[in-house]
Amino acid sequence: MKLHKAIFAGGCFWCMVKPFDQWNGIHHVISGYTNGHVEHPSYEDVKSGRTGHYEAVEITYDPAIISYKEILQVYWRQIDPTDDGGQFHDRGDSYRTAIFYHNEEMRKIAEASKKELEQSGKFSKPIVTKILPEKIFYPAEDEHQDFYKKNEKVYKEDREKSGRDKFIQDIWGN
């Protein structure tokens, strides 16, 4: 079995793990930082906004069970792709949305997926999620991994107050 990886930024990485974790074919989801200019950044470094990193998730999956296109469909349903200032109550460059590709095939699939979303009529504003070449992905500190499992109460409270779930319900109905 040959596993593949995909990296997405969708605001707070705590909120981006669980939606992928529950799909067949997903082997693991790691919270971390990518596409900045500082080596081995910490959570505090990234949160400061001075490293250029995005908070992101790295998804390891089995393409024989779940395709990259299917993973992109899950991704689009977790974010507000029209917001270029962050996501929900998390503001700043580190919370922007982006899809990171590591080969031309992934770029083409991501571009086609974005175009499909643009043409769907789901959003009245332009889709601003960037599709960027992947750079180094740095795993976040242990306390940020599987946060929704380790800190269930805080996770639920944060998601609720962020407005993410209401947005998803309003746009996608699920």
Protein backbone atom coordinates (compact mmCIF):
# COMPACT_ATOMS: atom_id res chain seq x y z
CA MET A 1 0.00 0.00 0.00
CA LYS A 2 1.39 3.37 -1.05
CA LEU A 3 0.17 6.24 1.09
CA HIS A 4 -0.10 9.82 -0.16
CA LYS A 5 -0.03 13.15 1.66
CA ALA A 6 -2.06 16.31 1.29
CA ILE A 7 -1.63 19.60 3.14
CA PHE A 8 -4.39 22.13 3.75
CA ALA A 9 -4.70 25.36 5.71
CA GLY A 10 -8.17 26.13 6.95
CA GLY A 11 -7.81 28.44 9.92
CA CYS A 12 -7.25 26.97 13.36
CA PHE A 13 -5.66 23.55 12.88
CA TRP A 14 -7.55 22.17 15.89
CA CYS A 15 -10.75 22.46 13.86
CA MET A 16 -9.27 20.87 10.75
CA VAL A 17 -8.23 17.48 12.17
CA LYS A 18 -11.50 15.83 13.18
CA PRO A 19 -13.34 16.37 9.86
CA PHE A 20 -10.64 14.37 8.04
CA ASP A 21 -9.87 11.91 10.84
CA GLN A 22 -13.27 10.26 10.54
CA TRP A 23 -13.02 9.14 6.89
CA ASN A 24 -12.06 5.63 5.76
CA GLY A 25 -8.69 5.70 4.06
CA ILE A 26 -7.27 8.51 6.21
CA HIS A 27 -4.34 7.08 8.16
CA HIS A 28 -3.51 10.14 10.23
CA VAL A 29 -3.83 13.90 10.37
CA ILE A 30 -1.05 16.01 11.84
CA SER A 31 -1.40 19.65 12.92
CA GLY A 32 1.50 21.87 11.96
CA TYR A 33 2.92 24.87 10.16
CA THR A 34 3.90 25.34 6.53
CA ASN A 35 5.11 27.74 3.86
CA GLY A 36 6.84 30.23 6.11
CA HIS A 37 10.38 31.55 6.24
CA VAL A 38 11.46 30.47 9.76
CA GLU A 39 12.87 26.98 10.38
CA HIS A 40 11.19 24.88 13.09
CA PRO A 41 8.68 27.51 14.24
CA SER A 42 6.80 27.16 17.50
CA TYR A 43 3.09 27.79 18.01
CA GLU A 44 3.93 31.15 19.61
CA ASP A 45 6.21 32.07 16.69
CA VAL A 46 3.47 31.35 14.14
CA LYS A 47 0.77 33.02 16.23
CA SER A 48 2.89 36.20 16.31
CA GLY A 49 2.39 36.51 12.55
CA ARG A 50 6.10 37.10 11.90
CA THR A 51 7.04 33.70 10.40
CA GLY A 52 4.86 33.67 7.29
CA HIS A 53 3.57 30.20 8.17
CA TYR A 54 0.03 28.95 7.84
CA GLU A 55 -1.51 26.74 10.51
CA ALA A 56 -2.17 23.61 8.50
CA VAL A 57 -2.90 19.91 8.58
CA GLU A 58 -0.95 17.17 6.84
CA ILE A 59 -3.21 14.28 5.88
CA THR A 60 -1.77 10.86 5.14
CA TYR A 61 -4.23 8.78 3.14
CA ASP A 62 -4.63 5.66 1.03
CA PRO A 63 -5.62 6.73 -2.51
CA ALA A 64 -7.06 3.25 -3.14
CA ILE A 65 -9.74 4.05 -0.53
CA ILE A 66 -10.19 7.84 -0.72
CA SER A 67 -9.08 10.03 -3.60
CA TYR A 68 -7.43 13.43 -3.46
CA LYS A 69 -10.53 14.87 -5.14
CA GLU A 70 -12.73 13.45 -2.35
CA ILE A 71 -10.39 14.90 0.28
CA LEU A 72 -10.68 18.30 -1.44
CA GLN A 73 -14.47 18.04 -1.21
CA VAL A 74 -14.17 17.47 2.54
CA TYR A 75 -11.78 20.43 2.78
CA TRP A 76 -14.07 22.92 1.01
CA ARG A 77 -16.87 22.03 3.44
CA GLN A 78 -14.74 23.03 6.46
CA ILE A 79 -13.79 26.59 5.50
CA ASP A 80 -15.06 29.94 4.30
CA PRO A 81 -13.13 30.10 1.01
CA THR A 82 -14.16 33.75 0.50
CA ASP A 83 -12.36 35.10 3.58
CA ASP A 84 -8.75 36.19 3.00
CA GLY A 85 -8.24 37.64 6.49
CA GLY A 86 -8.37 34.36 8.43
CA GLN A 87 -11.15 31.99 9.34
CA PHE A 88 -14.14 32.78 11.50
CA HIS A 89 -12.96 34.31 14.80
CA ASP A 90 -9.30 33.47 14.09
CA ARG A 91 -7.83 36.44 12.24
CA GLY A 92 -4.44 36.98 10.65
CA ASP A 93 -2.24 35.54 7.94
CA SER A 94 -1.51 32.27 9.77
CA TYR A 95 -5.25 31.47 9.69
CA ARG A 96 -5.78 32.00 5.95
CA THR A 97 -6.91 29.15 3.72
CA ALA A 98 -4.68 27.41 1.19
CA ILE A 99 -4.20 24.13 -0.60
CA PHE A 100 -0.58 23.02 -0.92
CA TYR A 101 0.42 20.72 -3.78
CA HIS A 102 3.63 18.75 -4.28
CA ASN A 103 3.18 17.77 -7.91
CA GLU A 104 1.51 18.98 -11.08
CA GLU A 105 -1.30 16.41 -10.90
CA MET A 106 -2.32 17.64 -7.43
CA ARG A 107 -2.22 21.25 -8.64
CA LYS A 108 -4.51 20.45 -11.58
CA ILE A 109 -6.99 18.53 -9.41
CA ALA A 110 -7.02 21.35 -6.84
CA GLU A 111 -7.51 24.03 -9.53
CA ALA A 112 -10.38 22.03 -11.08
CA SER A 113 -11.96 21.56 -7.66
CA LYS A 114 -11.72 25.30 -6.94
CA LYS A 115 -13.24 26.13 -10.33
CA GLU A 116 -16.09 23.69 -9.67
CA LEU A 117 -16.76 25.41 -6.34
CA GLU A 118 -16.67 28.86 -7.98
CA GLN A 119 -19.22 27.73 -10.55
CA SER A 120 -21.48 26.04 -7.98
CA GLY A 121 -23.17 29.27 -6.91
CA LYS A 122 -22.70 28.42 -3.22
CA PHE A 123 -20.87 31.69 -2.58
CA SER A 124 -21.70 35.21 -3.72
CA LYS A 125 -18.17 36.48 -3.07
CA PRO A 126 -15.02 35.33 -4.94
CA ILE A 127 -13.16 32.21 -3.78
CA VAL A 128 -9.83 33.49 -2.42
CA THR A 129 -8.30 30.22 -1.18
CA LYS A 130 -4.81 30.00 -2.66
CA ILE A 131 -3.32 26.93 -4.33
CA LEU A 132 0.40 27.01 -3.58
CA PRO A 133 3.44 24.79 -4.00
CA GLU A 134 4.19 22.83 -0.86
CA LYS A 135 7.20 23.82 1.20
CA ILE A 136 8.43 22.25 4.42
CA PHE A 137 5.71 21.12 6.82
CA TYR A 138 6.65 21.31 10.50
CA PRO A 139 4.53 19.26 12.92
CA ALA A 140 3.11 21.34 15.76
CA GLU A 141 3.92 20.63 19.39
CA ASP A 142 2.42 17.49 20.98
CA GLU A 143 -0.28 19.41 22.86
CA HIS A 144 -1.76 20.50 19.51
CA GLN A 145 -1.99 16.98 18.06
CA ASP A 146 -5.43 15.34 18.22
CA PHE A 147 -6.62 18.32 20.26
CA TYR A 148 -10.28 17.41 19.74
CA LYS A 149 -9.65 14.07 21.49
CA LYS A 150 -7.37 15.32 24.28
CA ASN A 151 -9.32 18.49 25.14
CA GLU A 152 -12.86 17.67 24.06
CA LYS A 153 -14.58 20.35 26.14
CA VAL A 154 -12.27 23.20 25.05
CA TYR A 155 -12.44 21.99 21.44
CA LYS A 156 -16.26 22.00 21.41
CA GLU A 157 -16.43 25.43 23.06
CA ASP A 158 -13.90 26.90 20.62
CA ARG A 159 -15.71 25.51 17.57
CA GLU A 160 -19.04 26.78 18.82
CA LYS A 161 -17.87 30.31 19.56
CA SER A 162 -15.88 30.51 16.31
CA GLY A 163 -19.00 30.43 14.14
CA ARG A 164 -17.51 27.69 11.95
CA ASP A 165 -20.26 25.14 12.57
CA LYS A 166 -23.07 27.65 11.96
CA PHE A 167 -21.40 28.71 8.72
CA ILE A 168 -21.04 25.10 7.56
CA GLN A 169 -24.68 24.41 8.43
CA ASP A 170 -25.87 27.55 6.62
CA ILE A 171 -23.87 26.85 3.45
CA TRP A 172 -23.83 23.07 3.23
CA GLY A 173 -26.69 21.99 5.48
CA ASN A 174 -24.64 19.44 7.44
